[in-house]
Amino acid sequence: DYFSRMLYGIPDDTLQTVLNFFQQTNENISHIIEQE
């Protein structure tokens, strides 16, 4: 219910862009953690 309401009205292509953003930032964060 939370995700349904949170993502209401957001087009699929925008959701894919957000997922791509999180994948890239997760990769960057993994590098930061390893560097630390």
PDB file of all heavy atoms in Angstrom:
ATOM      1  N   ASP A   1       0.828  -1.204   0.000  1.00  0.00           N
ATOM      2  CA  ASP A   1       0.000   0.000   0.000  1.00  0.00           C
ATOM      3  C   ASP A   1       0.865   1.257   0.000  1.00  0.00           C
ATOM      4  O   ASP A   1       0.598   2.211  -0.741  1.00  0.00           O
ATOM      5  CB  ASP A   1      -0.929  -0.003   1.220  1.00  0.00           C
ATOM      6  CG  ASP A   1      -1.811   1.218   1.262  1.00  0.00           C
ATOM      7  OD1 ASP A   1      -2.582   1.434   0.305  1.00  0.00           O
ATOM      8  OD2 ASP A   1      -1.724   1.973   2.263  1.00  0.00           O
ATOM      9  N   TYR A   2       1.918   1.252   0.810  1.00  0.00           N
ATOM     10  CA  TYR A   2       2.825   2.404   0.869  1.00  0.00           C
ATOM     11  C   TYR A   2       3.429   2.692  -0.499  1.00  0.00           C
ATOM     12  O   TYR A   2       3.381   3.821  -0.984  1.00  0.00           O
ATOM     13  CB  TYR A   2       3.939   2.153   1.890  1.00  0.00           C
ATOM     14  CG  TYR A   2       5.033   3.188   1.846  1.00  0.00           C
ATOM     15  CD1 TYR A   2       4.859   4.450   2.413  1.00  0.00           C
ATOM     16  CD2 TYR A   2       6.245   2.921   1.221  1.00  0.00           C
ATOM     17  CE1 TYR A   2       5.861   5.407   2.364  1.00  0.00           C
ATOM     18  CE2 TYR A   2       7.254   3.874   1.180  1.00  0.00           C
ATOM     19  CZ  TYR A   2       7.057   5.107   1.753  1.00  0.00           C
ATOM     20  OH  TYR A   2       8.050   6.057   1.687  1.00  0.00           O
ATOM     21  N   PHE A   3       3.993   1.667  -1.128  1.00  0.00           N
ATOM     22  CA  PHE A   3       4.641   1.894  -2.425  1.00  0.00           C
ATOM     23  C   PHE A   3       3.629   2.251  -3.505  1.00  0.00           C
ATOM     24  O   PHE A   3       3.915   3.076  -4.372  1.00  0.00           O
ATOM     25  CB  PHE A   3       5.507   0.700  -2.830  1.00  0.00           C
ATOM     26  CG  PHE A   3       6.829   0.705  -2.123  1.00  0.00           C
ATOM     27  CD1 PHE A   3       7.080  -0.175  -1.086  1.00  0.00           C
ATOM     28  CD2 PHE A   3       7.814   1.618  -2.466  1.00  0.00           C
ATOM     29  CE1 PHE A   3       8.302  -0.157  -0.420  1.00  0.00           C
ATOM     30  CE2 PHE A   3       9.030   1.656  -1.804  1.00  0.00           C
ATOM     31  CZ  PHE A   3       9.274   0.761  -0.775  1.00  0.00           C
ATOM     32  N   SER A   4       2.454   1.678  -3.437  1.00  0.00           N
ATOM     33  CA  SER A   4       1.413   2.023  -4.398  1.00  0.00           C
ATOM     34  C   SER A   4       1.043   3.499  -4.297  1.00  0.00           C
ATOM     35  O   SER A   4       0.944   4.202  -5.305  1.00  0.00           O
ATOM     36  CB  SER A   4       0.185   1.147  -4.147  1.00  0.00           C
ATOM     37  OG  SER A   4      -0.883   1.542  -4.951  1.00  0.00           O
ATOM     38  N   ARG A   5       0.870   3.971  -3.068  1.00  0.00           N
ATOM     39  CA  ARG A   5       0.524   5.385  -2.870  1.00  0.00           C
ATOM     40  C   ARG A   5       1.695   6.304  -3.163  1.00  0.00           C
ATOM     41  O   ARG A   5       1.526   7.376  -3.744  1.00  0.00           O
ATOM     42  CB  ARG A   5       0.011   5.610  -1.450  1.00  0.00           C
ATOM     43  CG  ARG A   5      -1.346   4.948  -1.219  1.00  0.00           C
ATOM     44  CD  ARG A   5      -1.972   5.326   0.101  1.00  0.00           C
ATOM     45  NE  ARG A   5      -1.217   4.778   1.217  1.00  0.00           N
ATOM     46  CZ  ARG A   5      -1.297   5.246   2.465  1.00  0.00           C
ATOM     47  NH1 ARG A   5      -2.075   6.268   2.748  1.00  0.00           N
ATOM     48  NH2 ARG A   5      -0.603   4.697   3.429  1.00  0.00           N
ATOM     49  N   MET A   6       2.894   5.901  -2.761  1.00  0.00           N
ATOM     50  CA  MET A   6       4.068   6.742  -2.976  1.00  0.00           C
ATOM     51  C   MET A   6       4.367   6.916  -4.471  1.00  0.00           C
ATOM     52  O   MET A   6       4.757   7.993  -4.912  1.00  0.00           O
ATOM     53  CB  MET A   6       5.293   6.140  -2.278  1.00  0.00           C
ATOM     54  CG  MET A   6       6.534   7.022  -2.420  1.00  0.00           C
ATOM     55  SD  MET A   6       7.994   6.317  -1.648  1.00  0.00           S
ATOM     56  CE  MET A   6       8.551   5.197  -2.898  1.00  0.00           C
ATOM     57  N   LEU A   7       4.187   5.855  -5.236  1.00  0.00           N
ATOM     58  CA  LEU A   7       4.553   5.883  -6.657  1.00  0.00           C
ATOM     59  C   LEU A   7       3.384   6.235  -7.574  1.00  0.00           C
ATOM     60  O   LEU A   7       3.545   6.254  -8.800  1.00  0.00           O
ATOM     61  CB  LEU A   7       5.149   4.526  -7.059  1.00  0.00           C
ATOM     62  CG  LEU A   7       6.392   4.111  -6.261  1.00  0.00           C
ATOM     63  CD1 LEU A   7       6.820   2.704  -6.650  1.00  0.00           C
ATOM     64  CD2 LEU A   7       7.523   5.105  -6.438  1.00  0.00           C
ATOM     65  N   TYR A   8       2.242   6.552  -6.994  1.00  0.00           N
ATOM     66  CA  TYR A   8       1.050   6.865  -7.777  1.00  0.00           C
ATOM     67  C   TYR A   8       1.326   8.001  -8.765  1.00  0.00           C
ATOM     68  O   TYR A   8       1.868   9.043  -8.402  1.00  0.00           O
ATOM     69  CB  TYR A   8      -0.110   7.260  -6.853  1.00  0.00           C
ATOM     70  CG  TYR A   8      -1.346   7.647  -7.610  1.00  0.00           C
ATOM     71  CD1 TYR A   8      -2.166   6.676  -8.159  1.00  0.00           C
ATOM     72  CD2 TYR A   8      -1.670   8.982  -7.788  1.00  0.00           C
ATOM     73  CE1 TYR A   8      -3.301   7.029  -8.871  1.00  0.00           C
ATOM     74  CE2 TYR A   8      -2.807   9.348  -8.506  1.00  0.00           C
ATOM     75  CZ  TYR A   8      -3.618   8.363  -9.048  1.00  0.00           C
ATOM     76  OH  TYR A   8      -4.730   8.712  -9.766  1.00  0.00           O
ATOM     77  N   GLY A   9       0.963   7.773 -10.005  1.00  0.00           N
ATOM     78  CA  GLY A   9       1.066   8.806 -11.032  1.00  0.00           C
ATOM     79  C   GLY A   9       2.447   9.001 -11.626  1.00  0.00           C
ATOM     80  O   GLY A   9       2.645   9.868 -12.481  1.00  0.00           O
ATOM     81  N   ILE A  10       3.416   8.231 -11.194  1.00  0.00           N
ATOM     82  CA  ILE A  10       4.773   8.368 -11.724  1.00  0.00           C
ATOM     83  C   ILE A  10       4.923   7.420 -12.908  1.00  0.00           C
ATOM     84  O   ILE A  10       4.729   6.217 -12.762  1.00  0.00           O
ATOM     85  CB  ILE A  10       5.834   8.068 -10.644  1.00  0.00           C
ATOM     86  CG1 ILE A  10       5.665   9.046  -9.463  1.00  0.00           C
ATOM     87  CG2 ILE A  10       7.236   8.160 -11.232  1.00  0.00           C
ATOM     88  CD1 ILE A  10       6.565   8.746  -8.286  1.00  0.00           C
ATOM     89  N   PRO A  11       5.255   7.948 -14.086  1.00  0.00           N
ATOM     90  CA  PRO A  11       5.373   7.100 -15.282  1.00  0.00           C
ATOM     91  C   PRO A  11       6.506   6.068 -15.144  1.00  0.00           C
ATOM     92  O   PRO A  11       7.498   6.289 -14.438  1.00  0.00           O
ATOM     93  CB  PRO A  11       5.700   8.089 -16.404  1.00  0.00           C
ATOM     94  CG  PRO A  11       5.424   9.446 -15.862  1.00  0.00           C
ATOM     95  CD  PRO A  11       5.491   9.353 -14.367  1.00  0.00           C
ATOM     96  N   ASP A  12       6.347   4.949 -15.835  1.00  0.00           N
ATOM     97  CA  ASP A  12       7.333   3.858 -15.780  1.00  0.00           C
ATOM     98  C   ASP A  12       8.735   4.320 -16.167  1.00  0.00           C
ATOM     99  O   ASP A  12       9.712   3.888 -15.560  1.00  0.00           O
ATOM    100  CB  ASP A  12       6.906   2.691 -16.680  1.00  0.00           C
ATOM    101  CG  ASP A  12       5.748   1.916 -16.091  1.00  0.00           C
ATOM    102  OD1 ASP A  12       5.472   2.048 -14.885  1.00  0.00           O
ATOM    103  OD2 ASP A  12       5.103   1.160 -16.851  1.00  0.00           O
ATOM    104  N   ASP A  13       8.839   5.194 -17.170  1.00  0.00           N
ATOM    105  CA  ASP A  13      10.175   5.629 -17.593  1.00  0.00           C
ATOM    106  C   ASP A  13      10.853   6.472 -16.497  1.00  0.00           C
ATOM    107  O   ASP A  13      12.064   6.405 -16.313  1.00  0.00           O
ATOM    108  CB  ASP A  13      10.138   6.380 -18.928  1.00  0.00           C
ATOM    109  CG  ASP A  13       9.300   7.651 -18.895  1.00  0.00           C
ATOM    110  OD1 ASP A  13       8.316   7.710 -18.135  1.00  0.00           O
ATOM    111  OD2 ASP A  13       9.630   8.582 -19.652  1.00  0.00           O
ATOM    112  N   THR A  14      10.070   7.216 -15.742  1.00  0.00           N
ATOM    113  CA  THR A  14      10.625   7.980 -14.624  1.00  0.00           C
ATOM    114  C   THR A  14      11.079   7.037 -13.520  1.00  0.00           C
ATOM    115  O   THR A  14      12.156   7.232 -12.934  1.00  0.00           O
ATOM    116  CB  THR A  14       9.592   8.987 -14.083  1.00  0.00           C
ATOM    117  OG1 THR A  14       9.190   9.866 -15.146  1.00  0.00           O
ATOM    118  CG2 THR A  14      10.147   9.794 -12.925  1.00  0.00           C
ATOM    119  N   LEU A  15      10.283   6.008 -13.243  1.00  0.00           N
ATOM    120  CA  LEU A  15      10.676   5.014 -12.235  1.00  0.00           C
ATOM    121  C   LEU A  15      11.972   4.318 -12.629  1.00  0.00           C
ATOM    122  O   LEU A  15      12.834   4.082 -11.787  1.00  0.00           O
ATOM    123  CB  LEU A  15       9.563   3.985 -12.032  1.00  0.00           C
ATOM    124  CG  LEU A  15       8.317   4.490 -11.320  1.00  0.00           C
ATOM    125  CD1 LEU A  15       7.250   3.406 -11.284  1.00  0.00           C
ATOM    126  CD2 LEU A  15       8.643   4.957  -9.913  1.00  0.00           C
ATOM    127  N   GLN A  16      12.115   4.020 -13.916  1.00  0.00           N
ATOM    128  CA  GLN A  16      13.352   3.386 -14.376  1.00  0.00           C
ATOM    129  C   GLN A  16      14.545   4.315 -14.190  1.00  0.00           C
ATOM    130  O   GLN A  16      15.627   3.883 -13.795  1.00  0.00           O
ATOM    131  CB  GLN A  16      13.242   2.954 -15.843  1.00  0.00           C
ATOM    132  CG  GLN A  16      14.404   2.119 -16.323  1.00  0.00           C
ATOM    133  CD  GLN A  16      14.624   0.867 -15.474  1.00  0.00           C
ATOM    134  OE1 GLN A  16      13.727   0.069 -15.290  1.00  0.00           O
ATOM    135  NE2 GLN A  16      15.834   0.703 -14.949  1.00  0.00           N
ATOM    136  N   THR A  17      14.355   5.603 -14.433  1.00  0.00           N
ATOM    137  CA  THR A  17      15.419   6.579 -14.214  1.00  0.00           C
ATOM    138  C   THR A  17      15.810   6.619 -12.737  1.00  0.00           C
ATOM    139  O   THR A  17      16.999   6.665 -12.400  1.00  0.00           O
ATOM    140  CB  THR A  17      14.973   7.984 -14.686  1.00  0.00           C
ATOM    141  OG1 THR A  17      14.672   7.920 -16.084  1.00  0.00           O
ATOM    142  CG2 THR A  17      16.039   9.030 -14.431  1.00  0.00           C
ATOM    143  N   VAL A  18      14.817   6.573 -11.862  1.00  0.00           N
ATOM    144  CA  VAL A  18      15.089   6.571 -10.417  1.00  0.00           C
ATOM    145  C   VAL A  18      15.857   5.304 -10.033  1.00  0.00           C
ATOM    146  O   VAL A  18      16.826   5.370  -9.267  1.00  0.00           O
ATOM    147  CB  VAL A  18      13.772   6.696  -9.608  1.00  0.00           C
ATOM    148  CG1 VAL A  18      14.009   6.449  -8.130  1.00  0.00           C
ATOM    149  CG2 VAL A  18      13.146   8.061  -9.828  1.00  0.00           C
ATOM    150  N   LEU A  19      15.446   4.155 -10.555  1.00  0.00           N
ATOM    151  CA  LEU A  19      16.161   2.905 -10.271  1.00  0.00           C
ATOM    152  C   LEU A  19      17.603   2.976 -10.761  1.00  0.00           C
ATOM    153  O   LEU A  19      18.522   2.528 -10.068  1.00  0.00           O
ATOM    154  CB  LEU A  19      15.437   1.719 -10.902  1.00  0.00           C
ATOM    155  CG  LEU A  19      14.142   1.306 -10.230  1.00  0.00           C
ATOM    156  CD1 LEU A  19      13.445   0.198 -11.036  1.00  0.00           C
ATOM    157  CD2 LEU A  19      14.377   0.859  -8.800  1.00  0.00           C
ATOM    158  N   ASN A  20      17.802   3.529 -11.947  1.00  0.00           N
ATOM    159  CA  ASN A  20      19.156   3.700 -12.473  1.00  0.00           C
ATOM    160  C   ASN A  20      19.979   4.604 -11.554  1.00  0.00           C
ATOM    161  O   ASN A  20      21.163   4.338 -11.301  1.00  0.00           O
ATOM    162  CB  ASN A  20      19.133   4.277 -13.887  1.00  0.00           C
ATOM    163  CG  ASN A  20      18.563   3.308 -14.892  1.00  0.00           C
ATOM    164  OD1 ASN A  20      18.478   2.112 -14.655  1.00  0.00           O
ATOM    165  ND2 ASN A  20      18.143   3.839 -16.035  1.00  0.00           N
ATOM    166  N   PHE A  21      19.358   5.671 -11.067  1.00  0.00           N
ATOM    167  CA  PHE A  21      20.017   6.579 -10.127  1.00  0.00           C
ATOM    168  C   PHE A  21      20.480   5.820  -8.888  1.00  0.00           C
ATOM    169  O   PHE A  21      21.631   5.934  -8.454  1.00  0.00           O
ATOM    170  CB  PHE A  21      19.054   7.714  -9.743  1.00  0.00           C
ATOM    171  CG  PHE A  21      19.477   8.495  -8.529  1.00  0.00           C
ATOM    172  CD1 PHE A  21      20.433   9.492  -8.623  1.00  0.00           C
ATOM    173  CD2 PHE A  21      18.916   8.222  -7.283  1.00  0.00           C
ATOM    174  CE1 PHE A  21      20.827  10.217  -7.499  1.00  0.00           C
ATOM    175  CE2 PHE A  21      19.308   8.939  -6.158  1.00  0.00           C
ATOM    176  CZ  PHE A  21      20.262   9.935  -6.268  1.00  0.00           C
ATOM    177  N   PHE A  22      19.574   5.030  -8.301  1.00  0.00           N
ATOM    178  CA  PHE A  22      19.929   4.293  -7.086  1.00  0.00           C
ATOM    179  C   PHE A  22      21.000   3.242  -7.357  1.00  0.00           C
ATOM    180  O   PHE A  22      21.898   3.047  -6.533  1.00  0.00           O
ATOM    181  CB  PHE A  22      18.697   3.661  -6.447  1.00  0.00           C
ATOM    182  CG  PHE A  22      17.864   4.647  -5.678  1.00  0.00           C
ATOM    183  CD1 PHE A  22      16.539   4.851  -6.007  1.00  0.00           C
ATOM    184  CD2 PHE A  22      18.402   5.375  -4.626  1.00  0.00           C
ATOM    185  CE1 PHE A  22      15.764   5.761  -5.306  1.00  0.00           C
ATOM    186  CE2 PHE A  22      17.639   6.297  -3.917  1.00  0.00           C
ATOM    187  CZ  PHE A  22      16.317   6.488  -4.260  1.00  0.00           C
ATOM    188  N   GLN A  23      20.944   2.588  -8.489  1.00  0.00           N
ATOM    189  CA  GLN A  23      21.978   1.601  -8.818  1.00  0.00           C
ATOM    190  C   GLN A  23      23.345   2.268  -8.911  1.00  0.00           C
ATOM    191  O   GLN A  23      24.331   1.759  -8.374  1.00  0.00           O
ATOM    192  CB  GLN A  23      21.640   0.875 -10.119  1.00  0.00           C
ATOM    193  CG  GLN A  23      20.496  -0.105  -9.956  1.00  0.00           C
ATOM    194  CD  GLN A  23      19.996  -0.657 -11.282  1.00  0.00           C
ATOM    195  OE1 GLN A  23      20.290  -0.140 -12.359  1.00  0.00           O
ATOM    196  NE2 GLN A  23      19.206  -1.719 -11.206  1.00  0.00           N
ATOM    197  N   GLN A  24      23.407   3.411  -9.561  1.00  0.00           N
ATOM    198  CA  GLN A  24      24.679   4.116  -9.702  1.00  0.00           C
ATOM    199  C   GLN A  24      25.178   4.647  -8.363  1.00  0.00           C
ATOM    200  O   GLN A  24      26.352   4.522  -8.026  1.00  0.00           O
ATOM    201  CB  GLN A  24      24.572   5.257 -10.712  1.00  0.00           C
ATOM    202  CG  GLN A  24      25.894   5.971 -10.948  1.00  0.00           C
ATOM    203  CD  GLN A  24      26.955   5.047 -11.540  1.00  0.00           C
ATOM    204  OE1 GLN A  24      26.735   4.466 -12.586  1.00  0.00           O
ATOM    205  NE2 GLN A  24      28.095   4.913 -10.868  1.00  0.00           N
ATOM    206  N   THR A  25      24.251   5.231  -7.572  1.00  0.00           N
ATOM    207  CA  THR A  25      24.685   5.750  -6.276  1.00  0.00           C
ATOM    208  C   THR A  25      25.103   4.616  -5.345  1.00  0.00           C
ATOM    209  O   THR A  25      26.061   4.772  -4.580  1.00  0.00           O
ATOM    210  CB  THR A  25      23.610   6.632  -5.606  1.00  0.00           C
ATOM    211  OG1 THR A  25      22.397   5.886  -5.466  1.00  0.00           O
ATOM    212  CG2 THR A  25      23.361   7.910  -6.383  1.00  0.00           C
ATOM    213  N   ASN A  26      24.432   3.474  -5.415  1.00  0.00           N
ATOM    214  CA  ASN A  26      24.839   2.317  -4.604  1.00  0.00           C
ATOM    215  C   ASN A  26      26.240   1.862  -4.977  1.00  0.00           C
ATOM    216  O   ASN A  26      27.056   1.537  -4.107  1.00  0.00           O
ATOM    217  CB  ASN A  26      23.855   1.159  -4.755  1.00  0.00           C
ATOM    218  CG  ASN A  26      22.573   1.381  -3.999  1.00  0.00           C
ATOM    219  OD1 ASN A  26      22.471   2.276  -3.164  1.00  0.00           O
ATOM    220  ND2 ASN A  26      21.578   0.573  -4.291  1.00  0.00           N
ATOM    221  N   GLU A  27      26.526   1.849  -6.252  1.00  0.00           N
ATOM    222  CA  GLU A  27      27.866   1.482  -6.712  1.00  0.00           C
ATOM    223  C   GLU A  27      28.898   2.485  -6.191  1.00  0.00           C
ATOM    224  O   GLU A  27      29.957   2.093  -5.677  1.00  0.00           O
ATOM    225  CB  GLU A  27      27.893   1.435  -8.240  1.00  0.00           C
ATOM    226  CG  GLU A  27      29.136   0.827  -8.820  1.00  0.00           C
ATOM    227  CD  GLU A  27      29.057   0.716 -10.344  1.00  0.00           C
ATOM    228  OE1 GLU A  27      28.055   0.200 -10.855  1.00  0.00           O
ATOM    229  OE2 GLU A  27      30.015   1.171 -10.989  1.00  0.00           O
ATOM    230  N   ASN A  28      28.572   3.762  -6.288  1.00  0.00           N
ATOM    231  CA  ASN A  28      29.476   4.801  -5.793  1.00  0.00           C
ATOM    232  C   ASN A  28      29.682   4.678  -4.279  1.00  0.00           C
ATOM    233  O   ASN A  28      30.802   4.815  -3.782  1.00  0.00           O
ATOM    234  CB  ASN A  28      28.937   6.194  -6.130  1.00  0.00           C
ATOM    235  CG  ASN A  28      28.915   6.457  -7.614  1.00  0.00           C
ATOM    236  OD1 ASN A  28      29.517   5.741  -8.410  1.00  0.00           O
ATOM    237  ND2 ASN A  28      28.185   7.485  -8.009  1.00  0.00           N
ATOM    238  N   ILE A  29      28.590   4.412  -3.552  1.00  0.00           N
ATOM    239  CA  ILE A  29      28.680   4.269  -2.101  1.00  0.00           C
ATOM    240  C   ILE A  29      29.534   3.062  -1.736  1.00  0.00           C
ATOM    241  O   ILE A  29      30.330   3.121  -0.793  1.00  0.00           O
ATOM    242  CB  ILE A  29      27.268   4.186  -1.480  1.00  0.00           C
ATOM    243  CG1 ILE A  29      26.591   5.560  -1.574  1.00  0.00           C
ATOM    244  CG2 ILE A  29      27.316   3.696  -0.039  1.00  0.00           C
ATOM    245  CD1 ILE A  29      25.108   5.551  -1.277  1.00  0.00           C
ATOM    246  N   SER A  30      29.392   1.982  -2.469  1.00  0.00           N
ATOM    247  CA  SER A  30      30.232   0.798  -2.224  1.00  0.00           C
ATOM    248  C   SER A  30      31.705   1.144  -2.376  1.00  0.00           C
ATOM    249  O   SER A  30      32.544   0.696  -1.574  1.00  0.00           O
ATOM    250  CB  SER A  30      29.865  -0.333  -3.180  1.00  0.00           C
ATOM    251  OG  SER A  30      28.577  -0.804  -2.906  1.00  0.00           O
ATOM    252  N   HIS A  31      32.020   1.949  -3.378  1.00  0.00           N
ATOM    253  CA  HIS A  31      33.410   2.397  -3.571  1.00  0.00           C
ATOM    254  C   HIS A  31      33.865   3.263  -2.388  1.00  0.00           C
ATOM    255  O   HIS A  31      34.993   3.119  -1.912  1.00  0.00           O
ATOM    256  CB  HIS A  31      33.572   3.183  -4.873  1.00  0.00           C
ATOM    257  CG  HIS A  31      33.495   2.345  -6.102  1.00  0.00           C
ATOM    258  ND1 HIS A  31      34.402   1.361  -6.414  1.00  0.00           N
ATOM    259  CD2 HIS A  31      32.589   2.348  -7.118  1.00  0.00           C
ATOM    260  CE1 HIS A  31      34.071   0.788  -7.552  1.00  0.00           C
ATOM    261  NE2 HIS A  31      32.970   1.366  -7.998  1.00  0.00           N
ATOM    262  N   ILE A  32      32.990   4.130  -1.920  1.00  0.00           N
ATOM    263  CA  ILE A  32      33.330   4.990  -0.779  1.00  0.00           C
ATOM    264  C   ILE A  32      33.622   4.133   0.449  1.00  0.00           C
ATOM    265  O   ILE A  32      34.625   4.347   1.143  1.00  0.00           O
ATOM    266  CB  ILE A  32      32.185   5.993  -0.485  1.00  0.00           C
ATOM    267  CG1 ILE A  32      32.076   7.018  -1.605  1.00  0.00           C
ATOM    268  CG2 ILE A  32      32.393   6.672   0.879  1.00  0.00           C
ATOM    269  CD1 ILE A  32      30.820   7.875  -1.536  1.00  0.00           C
ATOM    270  N   ILE A  33      32.766   3.168   0.713  1.00  0.00           N
ATOM    271  CA  ILE A  33      32.959   2.298   1.878  1.00  0.00           C
ATOM    272  C   ILE A  33      34.278   1.544   1.763  1.00  0.00           C
ATOM    273  O   ILE A  33      35.042   1.466   2.733  1.00  0.00           O
ATOM    274  CB  ILE A  33      31.765   1.324   2.026  1.00  0.00           C
ATOM    275  CG1 ILE A  33      30.512   2.106   2.427  1.00  0.00           C
ATOM    276  CG2 ILE A  33      32.079   0.221   3.035  1.00  0.00           C
ATOM    277  CD1 ILE A  33      29.227   1.304   2.347  1.00  0.00           C
ATOM    278  N   GLU A  34      34.562   1.027   0.593  1.00  0.00           N
ATOM    279  CA  GLU A  34      35.822   0.297   0.382  1.00  0.00           C
ATOM    280  C   GLU A  34      37.020   1.223   0.565  1.00  0.00           C
ATOM    281  O   GLU A  34      38.020   0.844   1.177  1.00  0.00           O
ATOM    282  CB  GLU A  34      35.837  -0.348  -0.997  1.00  0.00           C
ATOM    283  CG  GLU A  34      36.960  -1.326  -1.198  1.00  0.00           C
ATOM    284  CD  GLU A  34      36.972  -2.457  -0.169  1.00  0.00           C
ATOM    285  OE1 GLU A  34      35.906  -2.959   0.198  1.00  0.00           O
ATOM    286  OE2 GLU A  34      38.079  -2.823   0.274  1.00  0.00           O
ATOM    287  N   GLN A  35      36.913   2.442   0.057  1.00  0.00           N
ATOM    288  CA  GLN A  35      38.006   3.407   0.218  1.00  0.00           C
ATOM    289  C   GLN A  35      38.237   3.742   1.685  1.00  0.00           C
ATOM    290  O   GLN A  35      39.381   3.840   2.133  1.00  0.00           O
ATOM    291  CB  GLN A  35      37.698   4.694  -0.564  1.00  0.00           C
ATOM    292  CG  GLN A  35      37.812   4.523  -2.059  1.00  0.00           C
ATOM    293  CD  GLN A  35      37.293   5.742  -2.810  1.00  0.00           C
ATOM    294  OE1 GLN A  35      36.745   6.662  -2.232  1.00  0.00           O
ATOM    295  NE2 GLN A  35      37.472   5.729  -4.122  1.00  0.00           N
ATOM    296  N   GLU A  36      37.152   3.897   2.439  1.00  0.00           N
ATOM    297  CA  GLU A  36      37.276   4.212   3.862  1.00  0.00           C
ATOM    298  C   GLU A  36      37.939   3.056   4.609  1.00  0.00           C
ATOM    299  O   GLU A  36      38.759   3.282   5.499  1.00  0.00           O
ATOM    300  CB  GLU A  36      35.918   4.554   4.472  1.00  0.00           C
ATOM    301  CG  GLU A  36      35.316   5.837   3.929  1.00  0.00           C
ATOM    302  CD  GLU A  36      36.198   7.055   4.125  1.00  0.00           C
ATOM    303  OE1 GLU A  36      36.780   7.224   5.218  1.00  0.00           O
ATOM    304  OE2 GLU A  36      36.322   7.853   3.184  1.00  0.00           O
TER     305      GLU A  36
END
